[in-house]
Amino acid sequence: MLDLPLDSWYAWLGLSLAGVALVGAASGLPTLPPPNADAAAATVDRVAATEFESTAEHPLDATAVRIGTRRLAVRNDAGTAHATFAFGPVTPVPANDSRLRDVIHGAHPSSVFDSPTAFQQAVVDARARGSDAPWREVDRTLLVRRTTWEGVDVVLVDA
């Protein structure tokens, strides 16, 4: 019969190396699940689909987010996930635009902008920058707001 002589030093060395490799592989596995982009996109779609002004928040399980006019990407240590909006385009609020940020946090556009035309231009500019949005670090929720001011109907998204 053919057997493996387990009293040989090289067999024990091989098993030890295999055990170390297995522990190393297991410790390299992510400890978190990948982020859920579909749930965040569904929140945006629920707000975008309504006819009335509304606001929604979605907690993010990600460390970074990329918000585009038609897509959303989220990532954490476990990986990256992407989702497409069914209703769009939306307006991603740029990190450096304090006026649109005030609107998404509850201010009426008339208290922030001089005219509906200025509000519409800010929306157009934000959408133009949103086509190649950079990754932004996040540690809070995704915020979505649909608002209308004298014919300017917009869905703002920020994280």
C-alpha atoms as a PDB file:
ATOM      1  CA  MET A   1       0.000   0.000   0.000  1.00  0.00           C
ATOM      2  CA  LEU A   2       1.001   3.530  -0.619  1.00  0.00           C
ATOM      3  CA  ASP A   3       0.786   5.851   2.331  1.00  0.00           C
ATOM      4  CA  LEU A   4       2.241   9.151   3.333  1.00  0.00           C
ATOM      5  CA  PRO A   5       4.738   8.654   6.113  1.00  0.00           C
ATOM      6  CA  LEU A   6       3.590  11.404   8.493  1.00  0.00           C
ATOM      7  CA  ASP A   7       6.597  10.955  10.669  1.00  0.00           C
ATOM      8  CA  SER A   8       8.772  12.499   7.971  1.00  0.00           C
ATOM      9  CA  TRP A   9       9.985  16.009   8.708  1.00  0.00           C
ATOM     10  CA  TYR A  10       9.158  17.306   5.231  1.00  0.00           C
ATOM     11  CA  ALA A  11       5.499  16.240   5.532  1.00  0.00           C
ATOM     12  CA  TRP A  12       5.147  18.168   8.775  1.00  0.00           C
ATOM     13  CA  LEU A  13       6.887  21.167   7.215  1.00  0.00           C
ATOM     14  CA  GLY A  14       4.552  21.084   4.217  1.00  0.00           C
ATOM     15  CA  LEU A  15       1.446  20.880   6.410  1.00  0.00           C
ATOM     16  CA  SER A  16       2.726  23.745   8.530  1.00  0.00           C
ATOM     17  CA  LEU A  17       3.311  25.934   5.466  1.00  0.00           C
ATOM     18  CA  ALA A  18      -0.130  25.065   4.132  1.00  0.00           C
ATOM     19  CA  GLY A  19      -1.669  26.053   7.462  1.00  0.00           C
ATOM     20  CA  VAL A  20       0.170  29.367   7.497  1.00  0.00           C
ATOM     21  CA  ALA A  21      -0.950  30.051   3.917  1.00  0.00           C
ATOM     22  CA  LEU A  22      -4.563  29.267   4.831  1.00  0.00           C
ATOM     23  CA  VAL A  23      -4.483  31.613   7.820  1.00  0.00           C
ATOM     24  CA  GLY A  24      -2.921  34.325   5.644  1.00  0.00           C
ATOM     25  CA  ALA A  25      -5.601  33.927   2.982  1.00  0.00           C
ATOM     26  CA  ALA A  26      -8.395  34.016   5.548  1.00  0.00           C
ATOM     27  CA  SER A  27      -7.024  37.143   7.220  1.00  0.00           C
ATOM     28  CA  GLY A  28      -6.957  38.909   3.853  1.00  0.00           C
ATOM     29  CA  LEU A  29     -10.705  38.516   3.361  1.00  0.00           C
ATOM     30  CA  PRO A  30     -12.790  41.657   3.878  1.00  0.00           C
ATOM     31  CA  THR A  31     -14.471  42.016   7.247  1.00  0.00           C
ATOM     32  CA  LEU A  32     -17.348  44.112   5.873  1.00  0.00           C
ATOM     33  CA  PRO A  33     -19.802  43.365   3.099  1.00  0.00           C
ATOM     34  CA  PRO A  34     -19.515  45.513  -0.034  1.00  0.00           C
ATOM     35  CA  PRO A  35     -21.602  48.703   0.079  1.00  0.00           C
ATOM     36  CA  ASN A  36     -25.167  48.628  -1.200  1.00  0.00           C
ATOM     37  CA  ALA A  37     -25.459  51.044  -4.126  1.00  0.00           C
ATOM     38  CA  ASP A  38     -28.847  49.711  -5.238  1.00  0.00           C
ATOM     39  CA  ALA A  39     -30.575  50.735  -2.014  1.00  0.00           C
ATOM     40  CA  ALA A  40     -29.111  54.251  -2.211  1.00  0.00           C
ATOM     41  CA  ALA A  41     -30.168  54.576  -5.862  1.00  0.00           C
ATOM     42  CA  ALA A  42     -33.679  53.366  -4.944  1.00  0.00           C
ATOM     43  CA  THR A  43     -33.922  56.193  -2.403  1.00  0.00           C
ATOM     44  CA  VAL A  44     -32.947  58.720  -5.076  1.00  0.00           C
ATOM     45  CA  ASP A  45     -35.485  57.197  -7.483  1.00  0.00           C
ATOM     46  CA  ARG A  46     -38.301  57.372  -4.911  1.00  0.00           C
ATOM     47  CA  VAL A  47     -37.742  61.100  -4.469  1.00  0.00           C
ATOM     48  CA  ALA A  48     -37.237  61.738  -8.185  1.00  0.00           C
ATOM     49  CA  ALA A  49     -40.429  59.876  -9.124  1.00  0.00           C
ATOM     50  CA  THR A  50     -42.711  61.931  -6.896  1.00  0.00           C
ATOM     51  CA  GLU A  51     -44.607  64.940  -8.189  1.00  0.00           C
ATOM     52  CA  PHE A  52     -44.288  66.909  -4.983  1.00  0.00           C
ATOM     53  CA  GLU A  53     -41.451  68.454  -3.039  1.00  0.00           C
ATOM     54  CA  SER A  54     -39.890  65.827  -0.829  1.00  0.00           C
ATOM     55  CA  THR A  55     -36.743  64.909   1.042  1.00  0.00           C
ATOM     56  CA  ALA A  56     -35.207  61.551   1.910  1.00  0.00           C
ATOM     57  CA  GLU A  57     -32.107  60.278   3.659  1.00  0.00           C
ATOM     58  CA  HIS A  58     -30.337  56.969   3.210  1.00  0.00           C
ATOM     59  CA  PRO A  59     -27.573  55.791   5.556  1.00  0.00           C
ATOM     60  CA  LEU A  60     -24.424  54.915   3.645  1.00  0.00           C
ATOM     61  CA  ASP A  61     -22.292  51.909   4.494  1.00  0.00           C
ATOM     62  CA  ALA A  62     -19.469  53.337   2.416  1.00  0.00           C
ATOM     63  CA  THR A  63     -16.394  55.455   3.011  1.00  0.00           C
ATOM     64  CA  ALA A  64     -16.477  57.206  -0.370  1.00  0.00           C
ATOM     65  CA  VAL A  65     -19.152  58.079  -2.898  1.00  0.00           C
ATOM     66  CA  ARG A  66     -19.262  59.288  -6.478  1.00  0.00           C
ATOM     67  CA  ILE A  67     -22.573  60.895  -7.458  1.00  0.00           C
ATOM     68  CA  GLY A  68     -23.220  61.467 -11.133  1.00  0.00           C
ATOM     69  CA  THR A  69     -26.269  62.746 -12.961  1.00  0.00           C
ATOM     70  CA  ARG A  70     -27.393  59.223 -13.877  1.00  0.00           C
ATOM     71  CA  ARG A  71     -25.292  56.886 -11.661  1.00  0.00           C
ATOM     72  CA  LEU A  72     -24.074  56.397  -8.161  1.00  0.00           C
ATOM     73  CA  ALA A  73     -20.950  54.574  -7.003  1.00  0.00           C
ATOM     74  CA  VAL A  74     -20.070  53.725  -3.416  1.00  0.00           C
ATOM     75  CA  ARG A  75     -16.982  52.033  -2.006  1.00  0.00           C
ATOM     76  CA  ASN A  76     -15.526  50.785   1.239  1.00  0.00           C
ATOM     77  CA  ASP A  77     -12.706  48.413   2.188  1.00  0.00           C
ATOM     78  CA  ALA A  78     -14.694  45.441   0.861  1.00  0.00           C
ATOM     79  CA  GLY A  79     -15.156  46.816  -2.656  1.00  0.00           C
ATOM     80  CA  THR A  80     -17.034  49.158  -4.954  1.00  0.00           C
ATOM     81  CA  ALA A  81     -20.642  48.999  -6.110  1.00  0.00           C
ATOM     82  CA  HIS A  82     -22.439  50.943  -8.843  1.00  0.00           C
ATOM     83  CA  ALA A  83     -26.109  51.631  -9.531  1.00  0.00           C
ATOM     84  CA  THR A  84     -27.988  53.552 -12.209  1.00  0.00           C
ATOM     85  CA  PHE A  85     -30.893  55.878 -11.470  1.00  0.00           C
ATOM     86  CA  ALA A  86     -34.191  54.962 -13.119  1.00  0.00           C
ATOM     87  CA  PHE A  87     -35.372  58.578 -12.941  1.00  0.00           C
ATOM     88  CA  GLY A  88     -32.952  61.249 -13.972  1.00  0.00           C
ATOM     89  CA  PRO A  89     -30.971  63.207 -14.499  1.00  0.00           C
ATOM     90  CA  VAL A  90     -30.433  64.312 -10.930  1.00  0.00           C
ATOM     91  CA  THR A  91     -28.236  67.145  -9.761  1.00  0.00           C
ATOM     92  CA  PRO A  92     -25.245  66.157  -7.624  1.00  0.00           C
ATOM     93  CA  VAL A  93     -24.431  68.953  -5.204  1.00  0.00           C
ATOM     94  CA  PRO A  94     -20.759  69.894  -5.625  1.00  0.00           C
ATOM     95  CA  ALA A  95     -18.667  69.902  -2.460  1.00  0.00           C
ATOM     96  CA  ASN A  96     -17.768  73.571  -2.932  1.00  0.00           C
ATOM     97  CA  ASP A  97     -21.270  74.927  -3.732  1.00  0.00           C
ATOM     98  CA  SER A  98     -22.669  76.322  -0.507  1.00  0.00           C
ATOM     99  CA  ARG A  99     -25.843  77.742  -2.101  1.00  0.00           C
ATOM    100  CA  LEU A 100     -27.068  74.409  -3.471  1.00  0.00           C
ATOM    101  CA  ARG A 101     -25.975  72.792  -0.220  1.00  0.00           C
ATOM    102  CA  ASP A 102     -28.218  75.245   1.675  1.00  0.00           C
ATOM    103  CA  VAL A 103     -31.138  74.292  -0.583  1.00  0.00           C
ATOM    104  CA  ILE A 104     -30.663  70.554  -0.099  1.00  0.00           C
ATOM    105  CA  HIS A 105     -30.529  71.080   3.668  1.00  0.00           C
ATOM    106  CA  GLY A 106     -33.958  72.760   3.679  1.00  0.00           C
ATOM    107  CA  ALA A 107     -33.659  76.381   2.563  1.00  0.00           C
ATOM    108  CA  HIS A 108     -36.102  77.484  -0.107  1.00  0.00           C
ATOM    109  CA  PRO A 109     -34.311  78.468  -3.339  1.00  0.00           C
ATOM    110  CA  SER A 110     -35.827  81.969  -3.171  1.00  0.00           C
ATOM    111  CA  SER A 111     -33.959  82.639   0.073  1.00  0.00           C
ATOM    112  CA  VAL A 112     -30.623  81.555  -1.419  1.00  0.00           C
ATOM    113  CA  PHE A 113     -30.759  82.665  -5.071  1.00  0.00           C
ATOM    114  CA  ASP A 114     -31.674  86.061  -6.521  1.00  0.00           C
ATOM    115  CA  SER A 115     -33.908  84.653  -9.253  1.00  0.00           C
ATOM    116  CA  PRO A 116     -35.181  81.389 -10.701  1.00  0.00           C
ATOM    117  CA  THR A 117     -32.762  81.930 -13.584  1.00  0.00           C
ATOM    118  CA  ALA A 118     -29.797  82.050 -11.191  1.00  0.00           C
ATOM    119  CA  PHE A 119     -31.080  78.877  -9.522  1.00  0.00           C
ATOM    120  CA  GLN A 120     -31.459  77.158 -12.883  1.00  0.00           C
ATOM    121  CA  GLN A 121     -27.930  78.196 -13.906  1.00  0.00           C
ATOM    122  CA  ALA A 122     -26.506  76.767 -10.668  1.00  0.00           C
ATOM    123  CA  VAL A 123     -28.328  73.497 -11.410  1.00  0.00           C
ATOM    124  CA  VAL A 124     -26.995  73.414 -14.991  1.00  0.00           C
ATOM    125  CA  ASP A 125     -23.446  74.075 -13.760  1.00  0.00           C
ATOM    126  CA  ALA A 126     -23.706  71.365 -11.091  1.00  0.00           C
ATOM    127  CA  ARG A 127     -24.982  68.834 -13.636  1.00  0.00           C
ATOM    128  CA  ALA A 128     -22.131  69.702 -16.005  1.00  0.00           C
ATOM    129  CA  ARG A 129     -19.612  69.055 -13.224  1.00  0.00           C
ATOM    130  CA  GLY A 130     -21.475  65.892 -12.227  1.00  0.00           C
ATOM    131  CA  SER A 131     -20.750  64.088 -15.489  1.00  0.00           C
ATOM    132  CA  ASP A 132     -17.214  63.295 -14.285  1.00  0.00           C
ATOM    133  CA  ALA A 133     -17.689  63.561 -10.537  1.00  0.00           C
ATOM    134  CA  PRO A 134     -14.706  62.765  -8.308  1.00  0.00           C
ATOM    135  CA  TRP A 135     -14.768  60.380  -5.362  1.00  0.00           C
ATOM    136  CA  ARG A 136     -15.724  62.128  -2.135  1.00  0.00           C
ATOM    137  CA  GLU A 137     -15.123  60.847   1.378  1.00  0.00           C
ATOM    138  CA  VAL A 138     -18.344  60.370   3.356  1.00  0.00           C
ATOM    139  CA  ASP A 139     -19.207  59.526   6.916  1.00  0.00           C
ATOM    140  CA  ARG A 140     -22.919  60.225   6.976  1.00  0.00           C
ATOM    141  CA  THR A 141     -26.089  59.681   4.980  1.00  0.00           C
ATOM    142  CA  LEU A 142     -27.073  60.295   1.394  1.00  0.00           C
ATOM    143  CA  LEU A 143     -29.461  63.246   1.248  1.00  0.00           C
ATOM    144  CA  VAL A 144     -31.964  63.697  -1.596  1.00  0.00           C
ATOM    145  CA  ARG A 145     -34.355  66.625  -2.084  1.00  0.00           C
ATOM    146  CA  ARG A 146     -36.816  67.445  -4.819  1.00  0.00           C
ATOM    147  CA  THR A 147     -37.738  71.106  -4.987  1.00  0.00           C
ATOM    148  CA  THR A 148     -39.439  73.457  -7.421  1.00  0.00           C
ATOM    149  CA  TRP A 149     -39.224  77.214  -7.816  1.00  0.00           C
ATOM    150  CA  GLU A 150     -41.152  78.970 -10.585  1.00  0.00           C
ATOM    151  CA  GLY A 151     -40.743  76.244 -13.167  1.00  0.00           C
ATOM    152  CA  VAL A 152     -37.296  75.071 -12.123  1.00  0.00           C
ATOM    153  CA  ASP A 153     -37.862  71.494 -10.948  1.00  0.00           C
ATOM    154  CA  VAL A 154     -34.767  69.754  -9.612  1.00  0.00           C
ATOM    155  CA  VAL A 155     -33.686  66.688  -7.641  1.00  0.00           C
ATOM    156  CA  LEU A 156     -30.579  67.470  -5.583  1.00  0.00           C
ATOM    157  CA  VAL A 157     -28.351  64.667  -4.238  1.00  0.00           C
ATOM    158  CA  ASP A 158     -25.540  65.093  -1.695  1.00  0.00           C
ATOM    159  CA  ALA A 159     -23.547  62.902   0.674  1.00  0.00           C
END
